[in-house]
Amino acid sequence: MTLISTVALNVWLLTIIPKGFFPEQDTGRLNANLVADQSISFQLLSKKLTQILALIQQDPAVDDVVGYSGSGGGGAAAQINTGRMFVSLKPRGQRDGVDRVIRD
């Protein structure tokens, strides 16, 4: 009887628990990375990052977006072909879910 109860409980849990590789969680924030060709200059990457930030800011679900280009402390660790963006979304009542915002 214990075995049957355990199997039944596991089957029931498998049917009600959300499935997917990543857990779905809407914190209202998104992080993104930009990686350009190795031969890009820092000035050109900064210009492209500014264009991308302006495009993202136009989304009606976005409250604010900031970003920076280049990373590392200089020397061999410096990477001038990368950028990072941080997006703050509007409150949940004023927008769709984060999955839909990313998809659209």
N, C-alpha and C. Protein backbone atom coordinates (compact mmCIF):
# COMPACT_ATOMS: atom_id res chain seq x y z
N MET A 1 0.82 -1.19 0.00
CA MET A 1 0.00 0.00 0.00
C MET A 1 0.88 1.27 0.00
N THR A 2 2.00 1.23 0.75
CA THR A 2 2.90 2.37 0.79
C THR A 2 3.53 2.63 -0.57
N LEU A 3 3.90 1.56 -1.26
CA LEU A 3 4.49 1.71 -2.58
C LEU A 3 3.49 2.34 -3.55
N ILE A 4 2.28 1.87 -3.55
CA ILE A 4 1.25 2.41 -4.45
C ILE A 4 0.99 3.88 -4.12
N SER A 5 0.93 4.21 -2.84
CA SER A 5 0.71 5.61 -2.44
C SER A 5 1.86 6.51 -2.88
N THR A 6 3.08 6.02 -2.74
CA THR A 6 4.26 6.80 -3.14
C THR A 6 4.27 7.04 -4.64
N VAL A 7 3.99 6.02 -5.42
CA VAL A 7 3.96 6.14 -6.88
C VAL A 7 2.84 7.09 -7.29
N ALA A 8 1.68 6.96 -6.69
CA ALA A 8 0.55 7.85 -7.01
C ALA A 8 0.88 9.30 -6.67
N LEU A 9 1.52 9.53 -5.52
CA LEU A 9 1.90 10.88 -5.13
C LEU A 9 2.91 11.46 -6.12
N ASN A 10 3.88 10.67 -6.55
CA ASN A 10 4.86 11.15 -7.52
C ASN A 10 4.23 11.47 -8.86
N VAL A 11 3.31 10.66 -9.33
CA VAL A 11 2.62 10.93 -10.59
C VAL A 11 1.82 12.22 -10.47
N TRP A 12 1.13 12.40 -9.36
CA TRP A 12 0.33 13.61 -9.16
C TRP A 12 1.23 14.85 -9.12
N LEU A 13 2.37 14.76 -8.41
CA LEU A 13 3.29 15.89 -8.35
C LEU A 13 3.87 16.23 -9.72
N LEU A 14 4.17 15.21 -10.51
CA LEU A 14 4.70 15.45 -11.85
C LEU A 14 3.69 16.16 -12.75
N THR A 15 2.42 15.97 -12.49
CA THR A 15 1.42 16.62 -13.33
C THR A 15 1.15 18.06 -12.92
N ILE A 16 1.35 18.41 -11.66
CA ILE A 16 1.02 19.78 -11.23
C ILE A 16 2.22 20.72 -11.16
N ILE A 17 3.44 20.21 -11.10
CA ILE A 17 4.63 21.06 -11.01
C ILE A 17 4.95 21.61 -12.39
N PRO A 18 5.20 22.94 -12.50
CA PRO A 18 5.57 23.52 -13.80
C PRO A 18 6.86 22.90 -14.33
N LYS A 19 6.89 22.71 -15.62
CA LYS A 19 8.05 22.08 -16.24
C LYS A 19 8.81 23.09 -17.07
N GLY A 20 10.06 22.85 -17.27
CA GLY A 20 10.91 23.71 -18.08
C GLY A 20 12.32 23.65 -17.56
N PHE A 21 13.24 24.09 -18.41
CA PHE A 21 14.65 24.04 -18.02
C PHE A 21 14.97 25.09 -16.97
N PHE A 22 14.44 26.31 -17.16
CA PHE A 22 14.66 27.38 -16.20
C PHE A 22 13.36 27.64 -15.44
N PRO A 23 13.46 27.92 -14.17
CA PRO A 23 12.23 28.25 -13.44
C PRO A 23 11.69 29.60 -13.92
N GLU A 24 10.38 29.71 -13.99
CA GLU A 24 9.76 30.96 -14.42
C GLU A 24 9.61 31.87 -13.22
N GLN A 25 10.23 33.03 -13.32
CA GLN A 25 10.19 33.99 -12.24
C GLN A 25 10.23 35.38 -12.84
N ASP A 26 9.26 36.21 -12.51
CA ASP A 26 9.16 37.55 -13.05
C ASP A 26 9.59 38.55 -11.97
N THR A 27 10.85 38.97 -12.04
CA THR A 27 11.37 39.93 -11.06
C THR A 27 11.27 41.36 -11.57
N GLY A 28 10.90 41.53 -12.84
CA GLY A 28 10.80 42.88 -13.41
C GLY A 28 12.14 43.42 -13.88
N ARG A 29 13.13 42.57 -13.97
CA ARG A 29 14.46 43.00 -14.43
C ARG A 29 15.01 42.01 -15.44
N LEU A 30 15.72 42.55 -16.41
CA LEU A 30 16.36 41.73 -17.44
C LEU A 30 17.82 42.13 -17.55
N ASN A 31 18.68 41.18 -17.80
CA ASN A 31 20.10 41.43 -18.06
C ASN A 31 20.41 40.90 -19.44
N ALA A 32 21.23 41.63 -20.17
CA ALA A 32 21.61 41.19 -21.52
C ALA A 32 23.07 41.50 -21.76
N ASN A 33 23.69 40.68 -22.58
CA ASN A 33 25.09 40.87 -22.97
C ASN A 33 25.16 41.14 -24.46
N LEU A 34 26.08 41.99 -24.83
CA LEU A 34 26.33 42.30 -26.23
C LEU A 34 27.77 41.90 -26.52
N VAL A 35 27.96 41.07 -27.54
CA VAL A 35 29.30 40.65 -27.94
C VAL A 35 29.45 40.97 -29.42
N ALA A 36 30.44 41.79 -29.73
CA ALA A 36 30.69 42.19 -31.10
C ALA A 36 31.94 41.48 -31.62
N ASP A 37 32.25 41.73 -32.86
CA ASP A 37 33.44 41.16 -33.49
C ASP A 37 34.69 41.66 -32.76
N GLN A 38 35.71 40.84 -32.73
CA GLN A 38 36.95 41.19 -32.02
C GLN A 38 37.62 42.44 -32.58
N SER A 39 37.37 42.75 -33.84
CA SER A 39 38.05 43.88 -34.47
C SER A 39 37.32 45.21 -34.27
N ILE A 40 36.20 45.24 -33.56
CA ILE A 40 35.44 46.48 -33.38
C ILE A 40 36.19 47.43 -32.45
N SER A 41 36.07 48.70 -32.72
CA SER A 41 36.71 49.69 -31.84
C SER A 41 35.77 49.99 -30.67
N PHE A 42 36.34 50.51 -29.60
CA PHE A 42 35.55 50.85 -28.42
C PHE A 42 34.52 51.93 -28.77
N GLN A 43 34.90 52.90 -29.59
CA GLN A 43 33.99 53.99 -29.97
C GLN A 43 32.80 53.47 -30.77
N LEU A 44 33.05 52.57 -31.71
CA LEU A 44 31.97 52.01 -32.52
C LEU A 44 31.04 51.14 -31.66
N LEU A 45 31.61 50.36 -30.76
CA LEU A 45 30.79 49.54 -29.87
C LEU A 45 29.92 50.43 -28.98
N SER A 46 30.48 51.52 -28.47
CA SER A 46 29.71 52.44 -27.63
C SER A 46 28.55 53.05 -28.42
N LYS A 47 28.80 53.39 -29.68
CA LYS A 47 27.74 53.94 -30.53
C LYS A 47 26.64 52.91 -30.76
N LYS A 48 27.02 51.68 -31.06
CA LYS A 48 26.03 50.62 -31.29
C LYS A 48 25.25 50.32 -30.01
N LEU A 49 25.92 50.32 -28.87
CA LEU A 49 25.24 50.09 -27.60
C LEU A 49 24.21 51.19 -27.32
N THR A 50 24.57 52.43 -27.62
CA THR A 50 23.64 53.54 -27.44
C THR A 50 22.41 53.36 -28.32
N GLN A 51 22.59 52.91 -29.55
CA GLN A 51 21.47 52.65 -30.46
C GLN A 51 20.57 51.54 -29.92
N ILE A 52 21.17 50.49 -29.41
CA ILE A 52 20.39 49.37 -28.87
C ILE A 52 19.61 49.80 -27.63
N LEU A 53 20.26 50.58 -26.77
CA LEU A 53 19.58 51.06 -25.56
C LEU A 53 18.38 51.94 -25.92
N ALA A 54 18.54 52.80 -26.94
CA ALA A 54 17.42 53.65 -27.38
C ALA A 54 16.28 52.80 -27.94
N LEU A 55 16.62 51.74 -28.66
CA LEU A 55 15.60 50.85 -29.22
C LEU A 55 14.84 50.12 -28.12
N ILE A 56 15.56 49.63 -27.11
CA ILE A 56 14.92 48.92 -26.00
C ILE A 56 14.05 49.87 -25.19
N GLN A 57 14.49 51.12 -25.00
CA GLN A 57 13.74 52.10 -24.22
C GLN A 57 12.38 52.40 -24.86
N GLN A 58 12.24 52.21 -26.17
CA GLN A 58 10.99 52.46 -26.86
C GLN A 58 9.92 51.43 -26.55
N ASP A 59 10.30 50.29 -26.01
CA ASP A 59 9.32 49.25 -25.67
C ASP A 59 8.40 49.77 -24.58
N PRO A 60 7.08 49.64 -24.74
CA PRO A 60 6.15 50.16 -23.73
C PRO A 60 6.24 49.46 -22.38
N ALA A 61 6.82 48.28 -22.32
CA ALA A 61 6.93 47.55 -21.06
C ALA A 61 8.18 47.95 -20.27
N VAL A 62 9.08 48.70 -20.89
CA VAL A 62 10.36 49.06 -20.27
C VAL A 62 10.22 50.37 -19.50
N ASP A 63 10.68 50.34 -18.27
CA ASP A 63 10.69 51.55 -17.44
C ASP A 63 12.02 52.28 -17.62
N ASP A 64 13.13 51.57 -17.55
CA ASP A 64 14.44 52.19 -17.68
C ASP A 64 15.44 51.14 -18.18
N VAL A 65 16.45 51.60 -18.88
CA VAL A 65 17.49 50.71 -19.36
C VAL A 65 18.83 51.45 -19.28
N VAL A 66 19.84 50.75 -18.79
CA VAL A 66 21.20 51.30 -18.73
C VAL A 66 22.16 50.25 -19.25
N GLY A 67 23.33 50.69 -19.65
CA GLY A 67 24.31 49.75 -20.15
C GLY A 67 25.69 50.36 -20.16
N TYR A 68 26.67 49.51 -20.33
CA TYR A 68 28.05 49.97 -20.46
C TYR A 68 28.77 49.06 -21.43
N SER A 69 29.80 49.60 -22.05
CA SER A 69 30.58 48.82 -23.00
C SER A 69 31.98 48.64 -22.46
N GLY A 70 32.57 47.54 -22.85
CA GLY A 70 33.90 47.20 -22.37
C GLY A 70 33.83 46.59 -20.99
N SER A 71 34.75 45.73 -20.69
CA SER A 71 34.80 45.13 -19.36
C SER A 71 36.22 44.72 -19.07
N GLY A 72 36.47 44.41 -17.83
CA GLY A 72 37.81 44.02 -17.43
C GLY A 72 38.56 45.20 -16.85
N GLY A 73 39.65 44.93 -16.20
CA GLY A 73 40.41 45.96 -15.53
C GLY A 73 41.59 46.47 -16.33
N GLY A 74 41.62 46.20 -17.60
CA GLY A 74 42.74 46.63 -18.41
C GLY A 74 43.73 45.49 -18.59
N GLY A 75 44.71 45.72 -19.40
CA GLY A 75 45.71 44.68 -19.65
C GLY A 75 45.12 43.52 -20.41
N ALA A 76 45.56 42.33 -20.08
CA ALA A 76 45.11 41.13 -20.79
C ALA A 76 43.66 40.80 -20.51
N ALA A 77 43.10 41.28 -19.39
CA ALA A 77 41.72 40.95 -19.04
C ALA A 77 40.70 41.87 -19.71
N ALA A 78 41.14 42.95 -20.34
CA ALA A 78 40.22 43.92 -20.95
C ALA A 78 39.55 43.32 -22.18
N GLN A 79 38.27 43.58 -22.29
CA GLN A 79 37.50 43.13 -23.47
C GLN A 79 36.71 44.32 -23.97
N ILE A 80 37.17 44.94 -25.05
CA ILE A 80 36.48 46.11 -25.56
C ILE A 80 35.35 45.74 -26.50
N ASN A 81 35.17 44.47 -26.80
CA ASN A 81 34.12 44.06 -27.74
C ASN A 81 32.86 43.55 -27.03
N THR A 82 32.70 43.85 -25.75
CA THR A 82 31.53 43.38 -25.02
C THR A 82 30.79 44.56 -24.39
N GLY A 83 29.53 44.35 -24.13
CA GLY A 83 28.71 45.33 -23.44
C GLY A 83 27.68 44.62 -22.59
N ARG A 84 27.17 45.31 -21.58
CA ARG A 84 26.13 44.75 -20.72
C ARG A 84 24.99 45.74 -20.61
N MET A 85 23.78 45.21 -20.55
CA MET A 85 22.59 46.04 -20.42
C MET A 85 21.75 45.53 -19.26
N PHE A 86 21.16 46.46 -18.54
CA PHE A 86 20.27 46.15 -17.43
C PHE A 86 18.95 46.86 -17.69
N VAL A 87 17.87 46.09 -17.76
CA VAL A 87 16.56 46.62 -18.11
C VAL A 87 15.64 46.48 -16.90
N SER A 88 15.01 47.59 -16.51
CA SER A 88 13.98 47.56 -15.47
C SER A 88 12.62 47.69 -16.15
N LEU A 89 11.75 46.75 -15.86
CA LEU A 89 10.42 46.75 -16.47
C LEU A 89 9.43 47.50 -15.59
N LYS A 90 8.34 47.93 -16.20
CA LYS A 90 7.27 48.58 -15.45
C LYS A 90 6.62 47.57 -14.51
N PRO A 91 5.86 48.04 -13.53
CA PRO A 91 5.19 47.11 -12.61
C PRO A 91 4.33 46.10 -13.37
N ARG A 92 4.15 44.93 -12.79
CA ARG A 92 3.46 43.81 -13.44
C ARG A 92 2.07 44.17 -13.96
N GLY A 93 1.37 45.04 -13.28
CA GLY A 93 0.02 45.42 -13.72
C GLY A 93 0.00 46.26 -14.98
N GLN A 94 1.13 46.86 -15.35
CA GLN A 94 1.20 47.74 -16.51
C GLN A 94 1.84 47.08 -17.73
N ARG A 95 2.14 45.81 -17.63
CA ARG A 95 2.80 45.11 -18.74
C ARG A 95 2.42 43.64 -18.74
N ASP A 96 2.83 42.96 -19.79
CA ASP A 96 2.65 41.51 -19.87
C ASP A 96 3.74 40.83 -19.05
N GLY A 97 3.70 39.51 -19.01
CA GLY A 97 4.73 38.74 -18.32
C GLY A 97 6.09 38.92 -18.97
N VAL A 98 7.13 38.62 -18.22
CA VAL A 98 8.50 38.83 -18.72
C VAL A 98 8.79 37.96 -19.94
N ASP A 99 8.25 36.77 -20.01
CA ASP A 99 8.47 35.91 -21.18
C ASP A 99 7.92 36.57 -22.45
N ARG A 100 6.75 37.18 -22.33
CA ARG A 100 6.15 37.84 -23.48
C ARG A 100 6.92 39.10 -23.87
N VAL A 101 7.42 39.84 -22.88
CA VAL A 101 8.23 41.03 -23.15
C VAL A 101 9.49 40.65 -23.92
N ILE A 102 10.14 39.58 -23.49
CA ILE A 102 11.36 39.12 -24.18
C ILE A 102 11.02 38.67 -25.60
N ARG A 103 9.94 37.95 -25.76
CA ARG A 103 9.57 37.41 -27.07
C ARG A 103 9.19 38.53 -28.04
N ASP A 104 8.50 39.55 -27.55
CA ASP A 104 8.04 40.63 -28.43
C ASP A 104 9.15 41.64 -28.61
